[in-house]
C-alpha cells in the first residue's frame, strides 16, 4: 500500500490543480461580469409632442455621448439628432442626463427611433421606439412659466431636465441654464393631441426634475403660481399649493389640504361641494389615499375604501403606464387594490369608475404623490410617452447618414472607444498547478518502479 502513495498523490494534486484553476477563473470572470455602471439608457421619456417636433430624454450611469437616429420608415432609421448641448457647442460631450429635441417633422405621422448611448444603440425590446406627431393646430397665445432649480446649498443646478404637466395634458420639458428654466404652457396638448384647455389660475401643475447622478425632485403647484414657480430644491418633494376645491359633472376632484387639486374645465362645471358630502352621495369613500394630494412613502401602495357591498369598480392609476383592473367590493362594502407593479416617484391619479345604487354612473378621481426615497429615483408619474414603460435592449450598431438620408450612403455611426477586458490572472496559476501535478505523477510512476526494483 505504501508503494502506491506517490502515484495517488500525484493524481490528486493534478486534479486539485485543475479544479482550483477552473474555480479561480470562473470566480474572476464572475467579478468582471457583475452588474455595474453602464451606458444603457434608463428613464427614457418622450415629451414636447407637437405637429413637427418631439423630445426624447434619458439618463445613464456614466457620462457618455447620446443621440437619436429616427425615420418615418422603421426599416431605415438613419437620420441623426444630437443632444441640444452638443448642437450648441458644435462638439459631442458626455453627460449622465441626455436631452435630444427632434424638429422638422411632418404632422400626424409615426416616427420611429433608436437611442445611441456611448458605443451602442438601443431599442424598445427588439423593436424601434415610436411616437406619433400631433395634428397641425393654430397656436394659442403664449403662457410662459419660469422657475429655478437649486441644490441643498441653494446653488443653481445646471443642465437639469424639468418635466411639466398640467392636469389632463401631455408632458412638456425644458433644460436649466444656470438653474433657470422656462417653457410655454400653452403648447400643452391633451391625450388626443388637441390643444389643452386649462384654467389659468387653479389647474394643478406637476413638476419633476431629473438631474442625472445629481438626483431628482418633485413639486406640485397650480397655474396661478407659475410666474415664477417657487424655487425647487433638488432631492425634495415640495408643494406650493394650499387650497383648491373643484368638482365636475360625473367627476369628483376633491379639495386639497396641502397639494392642490385638479380641475378639468373641459367638462361641464358643477357646484363646489365638500368631499365627504359628495362621496356619501355617491356611496364611495376612499380611505387610502385619505386626502387629495396625499404624500405616499411607498412605491407599492394598497388603495382602499368603502362603498355599497357588491359594487363593481374599475380602478385605474395613471402612471408612466396606465394600470387598470376591475374589482368588486366585499359583503361589507370594503374594497382594496394594489397595483401589479411599483409606481415611480411623482404625482399619480387614482380613478374609480362604478355605477351607484341609483344606477347612475360615477367617477371619482384622487391625486397622490409617491415620494422619492432618496431623491434619486425614477421618472415622474406624469409621463406622456405613447408607450411609456419600455425595456431597453442593445442592438447592433446601425448606420447613420447626413441630414438628408439617401438609400445608398450609410456612413458608420459615431462611436466611442470600447472597453478592454482585464486579464483574469488565474490562467498562469492553473498551468503551474497542472505542470506540478504532471511532474508528481511522473515522479510517482518512477518511484513505483524504483520500489519494485
Protein backbone atom coordinates (compact mmCIF):
# COMPACT_ATOMS: atom_id res chain seq x y z
CA UNK A 1 0.00 0.00 0.00
CA UNK A 2 2.84 2.38 0.80
CA UNK A 3 4.32 1.88 -2.65
CA UNK A 4 1.16 3.38 -4.26
CA UNK A 5 1.06 6.60 -2.25
CA UNK A 6 3.27 8.70 -4.62
CA UNK A 7 1.13 7.77 -7.65
CA UNK A 8 -2.14 8.52 -5.88
CA UNK A 9 -0.72 11.76 -4.51
CA UNK A 10 0.32 12.89 -7.99
CA UNK A 11 -3.12 12.21 -9.42
CA UNK A 12 -4.82 14.05 -6.55
CA UNK A 13 -2.57 17.10 -6.93
CA UNK A 14 -3.17 17.12 -10.68
CA UNK A 15 -6.93 17.02 -10.22
CA UNK A 16 -6.75 19.56 -7.41
CA UNK A 17 -4.73 21.95 -9.56
CA UNK A 18 -7.16 21.70 -12.45
CA UNK A 19 -10.21 22.16 -10.21
CA UNK A 20 -8.65 25.11 -8.38
CA UNK A 21 -7.72 26.77 -11.66
CA UNK A 22 -11.22 26.39 -13.08
CA UNK A 23 -12.79 27.77 -9.88
CA UNK A 24 -10.45 30.75 -9.82
CA UNK A 25 -11.07 31.54 -13.49
CA UNK A 26 -14.84 31.36 -13.02
CA UNK A 27 -14.70 33.49 -9.89
CA UNK A 28 -12.60 36.07 -11.66
CA UNK A 29 -14.94 36.15 -14.63
CA UNK A 30 -17.87 36.49 -12.26
CA UNK A 31 -16.30 39.57 -10.74
CA UNK A 32 -15.78 41.08 -14.17
CA UNK A 33 -19.32 40.44 -15.37
CA UNK A 34 -21.30 41.56 -12.32
CA UNK A 35 -23.70 44.43 -12.98
CA UNK A 36 -22.24 47.88 -12.56
CA UNK A 37 -22.47 51.33 -14.08
CA UNK A 38 -23.35 51.05 -17.75
CA UNK A 39 -24.00 53.16 -20.82
CA UNK A 40 -27.51 51.71 -21.19
CA UNK A 41 -30.31 54.33 -21.27
CA UNK A 42 -32.60 54.49 -18.26
CA UNK A 43 -35.71 56.57 -17.53
CA UNK A 44 -36.48 57.05 -21.23
CA UNK A 45 -39.15 59.71 -21.67
CA UNK A 46 -40.87 61.41 -24.60
CA UNK A 47 -42.11 64.98 -24.15
CA UNK A 48 -42.99 68.12 -26.14
CA UNK A 49 -45.01 66.17 -28.69
CA UNK A 50 -46.22 68.59 -31.34
CA UNK A 51 -47.05 68.66 -35.05
CA UNK A 52 -43.41 69.00 -36.08
CA UNK A 53 -41.39 68.06 -33.03
CA UNK A 54 -40.84 65.84 -30.02
CA UNK A 55 -38.15 65.49 -27.36
CA UNK A 56 -36.54 62.32 -26.02
CA UNK A 57 -34.60 62.30 -22.76
CA UNK A 58 -32.94 59.61 -20.68
CA UNK A 59 -30.23 59.01 -18.08
CA UNK A 60 -27.11 56.84 -17.93
CA UNK A 61 -24.98 55.66 -15.03
CA UNK A 62 -21.81 57.11 -16.52
CA UNK A 63 -21.17 60.20 -18.67
CA UNK A 64 -21.45 59.19 -22.34
CA UNK A 65 -22.43 60.82 -25.62
CA UNK A 66 -26.08 60.48 -26.57
CA UNK A 67 -28.05 60.89 -29.78
CA UNK A 68 -31.02 59.55 -31.74
CA UNK A 69 -31.45 58.01 -35.15
CA UNK A 70 -35.01 58.42 -36.44
CA UNK A 71 -37.19 57.99 -39.52
CA UNK A 72 -40.76 57.56 -40.67
CA UNK A 73 -39.58 54.27 -42.19
CA UNK A 74 -38.97 51.65 -39.45
CA UNK A 75 -36.74 49.66 -41.82
CA UNK A 76 -34.35 52.56 -42.43
CA UNK A 77 -33.80 54.54 -39.24
CA UNK A 78 -30.87 56.71 -40.27
CA UNK A 79 -31.48 60.42 -39.66
CA UNK A 80 -29.34 61.63 -36.72
CA UNK A 81 -30.24 64.10 -33.97
CA UNK A 82 -27.80 65.09 -31.23
CA UNK A 83 -28.08 66.40 -27.69
CA UNK A 84 -29.12 70.06 -27.71
CA UNK A 85 -25.96 70.98 -25.77
CA UNK A 86 -23.80 69.35 -28.44
CA UNK A 87 -25.72 71.20 -31.14
CA UNK A 88 -24.95 74.49 -29.41
CA UNK A 89 -21.29 73.75 -28.70
CA UNK A 90 -20.59 72.01 -32.00
CA UNK A 91 -18.85 69.06 -30.34
CA UNK A 92 -20.00 65.86 -28.64
CA UNK A 93 -19.70 65.67 -24.86
CA UNK A 94 -20.50 63.04 -22.26
CA UNK A 95 -23.49 63.50 -19.91
CA UNK A 96 -25.47 61.41 -17.45
CA UNK A 97 -28.75 63.06 -18.42
CA UNK A 98 -29.46 63.32 -22.12
CA UNK A 99 -31.84 65.66 -23.96
CA UNK A 100 -32.47 65.36 -27.71
CA UNK A 101 -35.04 67.53 -29.49
CA UNK A 102 -36.19 66.38 -32.92
CA UNK A 103 -37.64 69.06 -35.22
CA UNK A 104 -38.75 69.50 -38.85
CA UNK A 105 -41.18 66.58 -38.79
CA UNK A 106 -44.41 66.09 -40.70
CA UNK A 107 -47.71 66.46 -38.80
CA UNK A 108 -49.72 63.41 -37.80
CA UNK A 109 -47.02 60.89 -38.70
CA UNK A 110 -45.49 57.97 -36.79
CA UNK A 111 -41.77 58.43 -36.23
CA UNK A 112 -39.50 55.52 -35.31
CA UNK A 113 -36.23 55.95 -33.46
CA UNK A 114 -33.41 54.20 -31.64
CA UNK A 115 -31.20 55.67 -28.94
CA UNK A 116 -27.45 55.95 -29.34
CA UNK A 117 -25.71 55.87 -25.98
CA UNK A 118 -21.95 55.65 -25.86
CA UNK A 119 -20.79 52.87 -28.17
CA UNK A 120 -24.14 51.10 -28.52
CA UNK A 121 -27.61 51.75 -29.90
CA UNK A 122 -30.72 50.66 -28.01
CA UNK A 123 -34.32 49.93 -28.97
CA UNK A 124 -37.58 49.02 -27.24
CA UNK A 125 -37.37 45.25 -26.63
CA UNK A 126 -36.32 44.37 -30.16
CA UNK A 127 -38.34 46.98 -31.99
CA UNK A 128 -37.81 50.72 -32.53
CA UNK A 129 -39.30 53.26 -30.18
CA UNK A 130 -42.13 55.14 -31.80
CA UNK A 131 -44.06 58.37 -31.34
CA UNK A 132 -46.79 59.98 -33.41
CA UNK A 133 -46.60 63.68 -34.13
CA UNK A 134 -49.68 65.80 -33.46
CA UNK A 135 -52.00 67.39 -35.93
CA UNK A 136 -51.33 70.90 -37.15
CA UNK A 137 -53.20 73.36 -34.93
CA UNK A 138 -53.46 77.10 -34.51
CA UNK A 139 -51.06 78.07 -31.75
CA UNK A 140 -52.80 79.67 -28.75
CA UNK A 141 -51.38 82.78 -27.03
CA UNK A 142 -48.20 82.12 -25.06
CA UNK A 143 -48.41 81.23 -21.39
CA UNK A 144 -44.78 81.20 -20.30
CA UNK A 145 -43.90 79.72 -16.93
CA UNK A 146 -40.49 80.02 -15.31
CA UNK A 147 -38.60 78.78 -12.29
CA UNK A 148 -35.28 77.81 -10.75
CA UNK A 149 -33.77 74.50 -9.68
CA UNK A 150 -31.32 74.73 -6.80
CA UNK A 151 -29.28 72.31 -4.72
CA UNK A 152 -29.47 71.79 -0.97
CA UNK A 153 -26.85 74.53 -0.62
CA UNK A 154 -29.01 76.93 -2.69
CA UNK A 155 -26.59 76.82 -5.62
CA UNK A 156 -28.18 76.73 -9.10
CA UNK A 157 -28.36 73.32 -10.79
CA UNK A 158 -27.26 73.45 -14.41
CA UNK A 159 -28.39 71.07 -17.17
CA UNK A 160 -31.23 69.56 -15.16
CA UNK A 161 -34.26 68.41 -17.15
CA UNK A 162 -37.57 69.84 -15.92
CA UNK A 163 -40.76 67.95 -16.84
CA UNK A 164 -44.02 69.88 -16.51
CA UNK A 165 -47.57 68.65 -16.94
CA UNK A 166 -50.89 70.40 -16.49
CA UNK A 167 -53.71 68.11 -15.38
CA UNK A 168 -55.12 66.39 -18.46
CA UNK A 169 -52.20 67.30 -20.68
CA UNK A 170 -49.08 65.65 -22.01
CA UNK A 171 -45.62 66.42 -20.73
CA UNK A 172 -43.59 69.47 -21.67
CA UNK A 173 -39.93 69.78 -20.80
CA UNK A 174 -37.04 72.21 -20.57
CA UNK A 175 -33.38 72.16 -19.55
CA UNK A 176 -31.98 74.51 -16.93
CA UNK A 177 -29.39 77.13 -17.74
CA UNK A 178 -27.58 78.18 -14.58
CA UNK A 179 -30.53 76.81 -12.63
CA UNK A 180 -33.22 78.74 -14.53
CA UNK A 181 -35.85 77.23 -16.81
CA UNK A 182 -38.83 78.42 -18.86
CA UNK A 183 -41.39 76.88 -21.18
CA UNK A 184 -44.65 77.75 -22.90
CA UNK A 185 -47.51 76.05 -21.08
CA UNK A 186 -49.87 76.93 -23.95
CA UNK A 187 -48.16 74.25 -26.05
CA UNK A 188 -49.77 71.56 -23.87
CA UNK A 189 -51.88 69.03 -25.71
CA UNK A 190 -54.40 66.59 -24.33
CA UNK A 191 -54.12 62.82 -24.72
CA UNK A 192 -55.87 63.04 -28.10
CA UNK A 193 -53.40 65.59 -29.45
CA UNK A 194 -55.74 68.59 -29.29
CA UNK A 195 -54.74 71.89 -27.70
CA UNK A 196 -55.31 71.54 -23.96
CA UNK A 197 -57.86 73.81 -22.33
CA UNK A 198 -56.98 74.56 -18.72
CA UNK A 199 -57.84 77.06 -16.03
CA UNK A 200 -55.11 79.74 -15.87
CA UNK A 201 -55.49 80.01 -12.09
CA UNK A 202 -56.42 76.72 -10.45
CA UNK A 203 -55.29 73.89 -12.72
CA UNK A 204 -52.77 71.68 -10.97
CA UNK A 205 -49.25 71.63 -12.42
CA UNK A 206 -46.97 68.66 -11.74
CA UNK A 207 -43.21 69.17 -11.99
CA UNK A 208 -40.44 66.59 -11.95
CA UNK A 209 -36.73 67.40 -12.10
CA UNK A 210 -34.17 64.93 -13.44
CA UNK A 211 -30.55 65.94 -12.85
CA UNK A 212 -28.85 62.63 -13.63
CA UNK A 213 -26.43 61.48 -10.95
CA UNK A 214 -27.13 64.69 -9.00
CA UNK A 215 -30.63 63.47 -8.14
CA UNK A 216 -34.28 64.33 -8.70
CA UNK A 217 -37.05 66.47 -7.23
CA UNK A 218 -40.84 66.71 -7.44
CA UNK A 219 -43.14 69.68 -6.95
CA UNK A 220 -46.82 70.50 -7.18
CA UNK A 221 -48.17 73.96 -7.91
CA UNK A 222 -51.06 75.47 -9.83
CA UNK A 223 -51.28 77.71 -12.86
CA UNK A 224 -51.62 80.80 -10.68
CA UNK A 225 -48.18 80.19 -9.15
CA UNK A 226 -46.04 79.72 -12.24
CA UNK A 227 -44.62 83.19 -12.87
CA UNK A 228 -42.30 82.17 -11.39
CA UNK A 229 -42.70 78.80 -9.76
CA UNK A 230 -41.05 78.96 -6.31
CA UNK A 231 -37.52 77.54 -6.18
CA UNK A 232 -37.45 73.75 -6.41
CA UNK A 233 -34.77 72.11 -4.27
CA UNK A 234 -33.07 69.01 -5.64
CA UNK A 235 -33.75 65.93 -3.53
CA UNK A 236 -37.05 67.22 -2.11
CA UNK A 237 -40.78 66.69 -2.72
CA UNK A 238 -42.47 70.09 -2.48
CA UNK A 239 -45.99 71.52 -2.69
CA UNK A 240 -46.69 75.19 -3.39
CA UNK A 241 -50.49 74.94 -3.31
CA UNK A 242 -52.61 75.49 -0.23
CA UNK A 243 -56.30 75.11 -1.14
CA UNK A 244 -58.23 74.29 -4.28
CA UNK A 245 -61.69 72.73 -4.46
CA UNK A 246 -63.45 71.72 -7.65
CA UNK A 247 -65.91 69.12 -8.91
CA UNK A 248 -67.32 68.40 -12.33
CA UNK A 249 -70.34 66.62 -13.72
CA UNK A 250 -69.75 62.94 -13.18
CA UNK A 251 -66.27 63.55 -11.85
CA UNK A 252 -65.22 64.36 -8.31
CA UNK A 253 -61.95 66.19 -7.84
CA UNK A 254 -61.62 66.69 -4.13
CA UNK A 255 -60.38 69.81 -2.36
CA UNK A 256 -56.75 69.88 -1.43
CA UNK A 257 -55.32 70.40 2.00
CA UNK A 258 -51.70 70.85 1.01
CA UNK A 259 -51.08 69.82 -2.55
CA UNK A 260 -53.90 71.31 -4.59
CA UNK A 261 -56.48 69.63 -6.76
CA UNK A 262 -57.09 69.02 -10.43
CA UNK A 263 -59.78 70.84 -12.28
CA UNK A 264 -60.67 69.66 -15.76
CA UNK A 265 -62.51 72.66 -17.17
CA UNK A 266 -63.24 70.88 -20.46
CA UNK A 267 -66.10 69.13 -18.70
CA UNK A 268 -69.32 70.75 -17.55
CA UNK A 269 -68.81 72.60 -14.27
CA UNK A 270 -70.82 71.60 -11.21
CA UNK A 271 -71.31 73.31 -7.84
CA UNK A 272 -68.42 73.07 -5.41
CA UNK A 273 -69.11 70.51 -2.72
CA UNK A 274 -67.31 69.21 0.32
CA UNK A 275 -65.60 65.90 -0.42
CA UNK A 276 -67.36 64.00 2.39
CA UNK A 277 -70.84 65.05 1.18
CA UNK A 278 -70.06 64.21 -2.41
CA UNK A 279 -68.60 60.81 -1.52
CA UNK A 280 -71.55 59.99 0.75
CA UNK A 281 -73.99 60.83 -2.04
CA UNK A 282 -72.10 58.53 -4.36
CA UNK A 283 -71.62 55.87 -1.66
CA UNK A 284 -67.87 55.86 -2.26
CA UNK A 285 -65.34 56.54 0.46
CA UNK A 286 -61.61 56.35 -0.19
CA UNK A 287 -59.51 55.62 2.88
CA UNK A 288 -56.15 55.37 1.09
CA UNK A 289 -55.10 57.86 -0.16
CA UNK A 290 -57.15 59.58 2.53
CA UNK A 291 -56.91 63.10 1.06
CA UNK A 292 -56.36 64.59 -2.35
CA UNK A 293 -52.65 65.20 -2.96
CA UNK A 294 -51.56 62.85 -0.16
CA UNK A 295 -47.85 62.04 0.02
CA UNK A 296 -47.20 58.26 -0.01
CA UNK A 297 -43.83 56.87 1.06
CA UNK A 298 -44.11 53.51 -0.71
CA UNK A 299 -43.92 52.59 -4.37
CA UNK A 300 -46.43 49.76 -3.86
CA UNK A 301 -49.40 51.31 -2.04
CA UNK A 302 -52.60 49.46 -1.20
CA UNK A 303 -55.58 51.57 -2.24
CA UNK A 304 -58.66 51.02 -0.13
CA UNK A 305 -62.12 52.33 0.62
CA UNK A 306 -65.74 51.51 1.27
CA UNK A 307 -68.85 51.57 -0.91
CA UNK A 308 -72.10 49.69 -1.43
CA UNK A 309 -71.49 45.92 -0.94
CA UNK A 310 -71.02 44.04 -4.18
CA UNK A 311 -70.27 47.16 -6.25
CA UNK A 312 -68.10 46.51 -9.29
CA UNK A 313 -65.35 49.13 -9.56
CA UNK A 314 -62.95 49.88 -12.38
CA UNK A 315 -59.73 51.09 -10.72
CA UNK A 316 -57.18 52.99 -12.81
CA UNK A 317 -53.85 54.53 -11.85
CA UNK A 318 -52.40 56.97 -14.35
CA UNK A 319 -48.70 56.26 -14.16
CA UNK A 320 -45.99 56.10 -16.84
CA UNK A 321 -48.11 53.17 -17.95
CA UNK A 322 -51.85 53.12 -17.23
CA UNK A 323 -52.68 50.36 -14.74
CA UNK A 324 -56.31 49.20 -14.73
CA UNK A 325 -58.22 46.42 -13.03
CA UNK A 326 -61.86 45.64 -12.28
CA UNK A 327 -62.51 44.70 -8.65
CA UNK A 328 -65.58 44.08 -6.50
CA UNK A 329 -66.43 45.33 -3.03
CA UNK A 330 -66.95 42.56 -0.48
CA UNK A 331 -70.10 41.87 1.55
CA UNK A 332 -69.17 44.70 3.92
CA UNK A 333 -68.53 47.13 1.07
CA UNK A 334 -64.75 47.07 1.61
CA UNK A 335 -62.53 47.21 -1.47
CA UNK A 336 -58.75 47.01 -1.72
CA UNK A 337 -56.32 47.01 -4.64
CA UNK A 338 -52.54 47.09 -5.06
CA UNK A 339 -51.03 47.95 -8.47
CA UNK A 340 -49.33 44.96 -10.14
CA UNK A 341 -46.07 46.90 -10.46
CA UNK A 342 -44.23 49.53 -8.44
CA UNK A 343 -45.12 53.18 -9.04
CA UNK A 344 -42.41 55.68 -9.86
CA UNK A 345 -41.82 58.80 -7.73
CA UNK A 346 -44.04 61.71 -8.70
CA UNK A 347 -47.68 62.67 -9.00
CA UNK A 348 -50.25 59.99 -9.87
CA UNK A 349 -54.01 59.93 -10.35
CA UNK A 350 -56.32 57.26 -8.91
CA UNK A 351 -59.62 56.95 -10.81
CA UNK A 352 -62.61 54.90 -9.64
CA UNK A 353 -65.49 54.24 -12.06
CA UNK A 354 -68.66 52.48 -10.92
CA UNK A 355 -72.45 52.52 -11.02
CA UNK A 356 -74.06 53.58 -7.73
CA UNK A 357 -77.16 52.18 -6.03
CA UNK A 358 -79.34 54.55 -8.10
CA UNK A 359 -77.90 53.07 -11.32
CA UNK A 360 -76.02 56.32 -12.03
CA UNK A 361 -72.50 56.14 -13.41
CA UNK A 362 -69.98 57.75 -11.05
CA UNK A 363 -66.34 58.66 -11.49
CA UNK A 364 -64.08 59.64 -8.60
CA UNK A 365 -60.57 60.98 -9.10
CA UNK A 366 -57.99 61.41 -6.38
CA UNK A 367 -54.38 62.50 -6.75
CA UNK A 368 -51.41 61.35 -4.71
CA UNK A 369 -47.65 61.67 -4.79
CA UNK A 370 -45.19 58.80 -4.46
CA UNK A 371 -42.14 60.20 -2.71
CA UNK A 372 -38.63 59.60 -3.98
CA UNK A 373 -36.96 57.68 -1.15
CA UNK A 374 -33.54 59.26 -1.61
CA UNK A 375 -34.10 61.95 -4.18
CA UNK A 376 -32.50 59.89 -6.93
CA UNK A 377 -35.14 57.52 -8.17
CA UNK A 378 -37.10 57.18 -11.33
CA UNK A 379 -39.18 59.34 -13.63
CA UNK A 380 -42.30 61.38 -12.89
CA UNK A 381 -45.65 59.72 -12.82
CA UNK A 382 -46.90 62.31 -15.30
CA UNK A 383 -45.39 60.88 -18.46
CA UNK A 384 -46.78 61.39 -21.91
CA UNK A 385 -44.95 58.67 -23.76
CA UNK A 386 -47.08 56.73 -26.25
CA UNK A 387 -45.63 53.54 -24.83
CA UNK A 388 -44.46 54.73 -21.51
CA UNK A 389 -42.81 51.77 -19.86
CA UNK A 390 -40.10 50.39 -22.08
CA UNK A 391 -37.44 47.74 -21.83
CA UNK A 392 -34.13 48.90 -23.23
CA UNK A 393 -32.14 46.36 -25.17
CA UNK A 394 -28.92 46.86 -27.14
CA UNK A 395 -28.92 46.30 -30.86
CA UNK A 396 -26.16 46.02 -33.36
CA UNK A 397 -24.85 49.45 -34.39
CA UNK A 398 -26.77 50.78 -37.36
CA UNK A 399 -25.68 53.27 -39.96
CA UNK A 400 -26.38 56.96 -39.75
CA UNK A 401 -26.33 59.38 -42.62
CA UNK A 402 -26.33 63.08 -43.25
CA UNK A 403 -29.33 65.26 -42.52
CA UNK A 404 -30.86 64.17 -45.84
CA UNK A 405 -30.53 60.39 -45.98
CA UNK A 406 -30.29 58.53 -49.26
CA UNK A 407 -30.67 54.81 -49.92
CA UNK A 408 -27.03 54.39 -50.92
CA UNK A 409 -24.99 56.36 -48.44
CA UNK A 410 -24.78 54.98 -44.92
CA UNK A 411 -21.62 56.11 -43.11
CA UNK A 412 -20.90 54.35 -39.87
CA UNK A 413 -22.43 55.56 -36.64
CA UNK A 414 -20.45 57.83 -34.31
CA UNK A 415 -18.55 55.58 -31.96
CA UNK A 416 -16.68 55.80 -28.72
CA UNK A 417 -13.75 53.70 -27.61
CA UNK A 418 -14.64 50.22 -26.47
CA UNK A 419 -13.58 48.99 -23.06
CA UNK A 420 -10.88 46.31 -22.82
CA UNK A 421 -11.47 43.38 -20.50
CA UNK A 422 -8.86 42.99 -17.82
CA UNK A 423 -6.87 39.76 -17.88
CA UNK A 424 -8.03 37.38 -15.20
CA UNK A 425 -4.57 36.48 -13.88
CA UNK A 426 -5.75 32.96 -12.95
CA UNK A 427 -4.64 31.11 -16.09
CA UNK A 428 -0.92 31.13 -15.15
CA UNK A 429 -1.75 29.62 -11.79
CA UNK A 430 -3.79 26.88 -13.48
CA UNK A 431 -0.94 25.97 -15.82
CA UNK A 432 1.53 25.94 -12.93
CA UNK A 433 -0.62 23.63 -10.85
CA UNK A 434 -1.20 21.37 -13.84
CA UNK A 435 2.53 21.10 -14.53
CA UNK A 436 3.20 20.38 -10.88
CA UNK A 437 0.62 17.62 -10.94
CA UNK A 438 2.17 16.07 -14.06
CA UNK A 439 5.65 16.18 -12.51
CA UNK A 440 4.41 14.49 -9.35
CA UNK A 441 2.52 11.94 -11.41
CA UNK A 442 5.69 11.05 -13.34
CA UNK A 443 7.64 11.00 -10.08
CA UNK A 444 5.08 8.63 -8.62
CA UNK A 445 5.35 6.25 -11.55
CA UNK A 446 9.15 6.34 -11.40
CA UNK A 447 9.20 5.81 -7.66
CA UNK A 448 6.86 2.89 -8.06
CA UNK A 449 9.28 1.21 -10.47
CA UNK A 450 12.17 2.03 -8.11
CA UNK A 451 10.38 0.40 -5.20
CA UNK A 452 9.77 -2.73 -7.26
CA UNK A 453 13.42 -2.91 -8.29
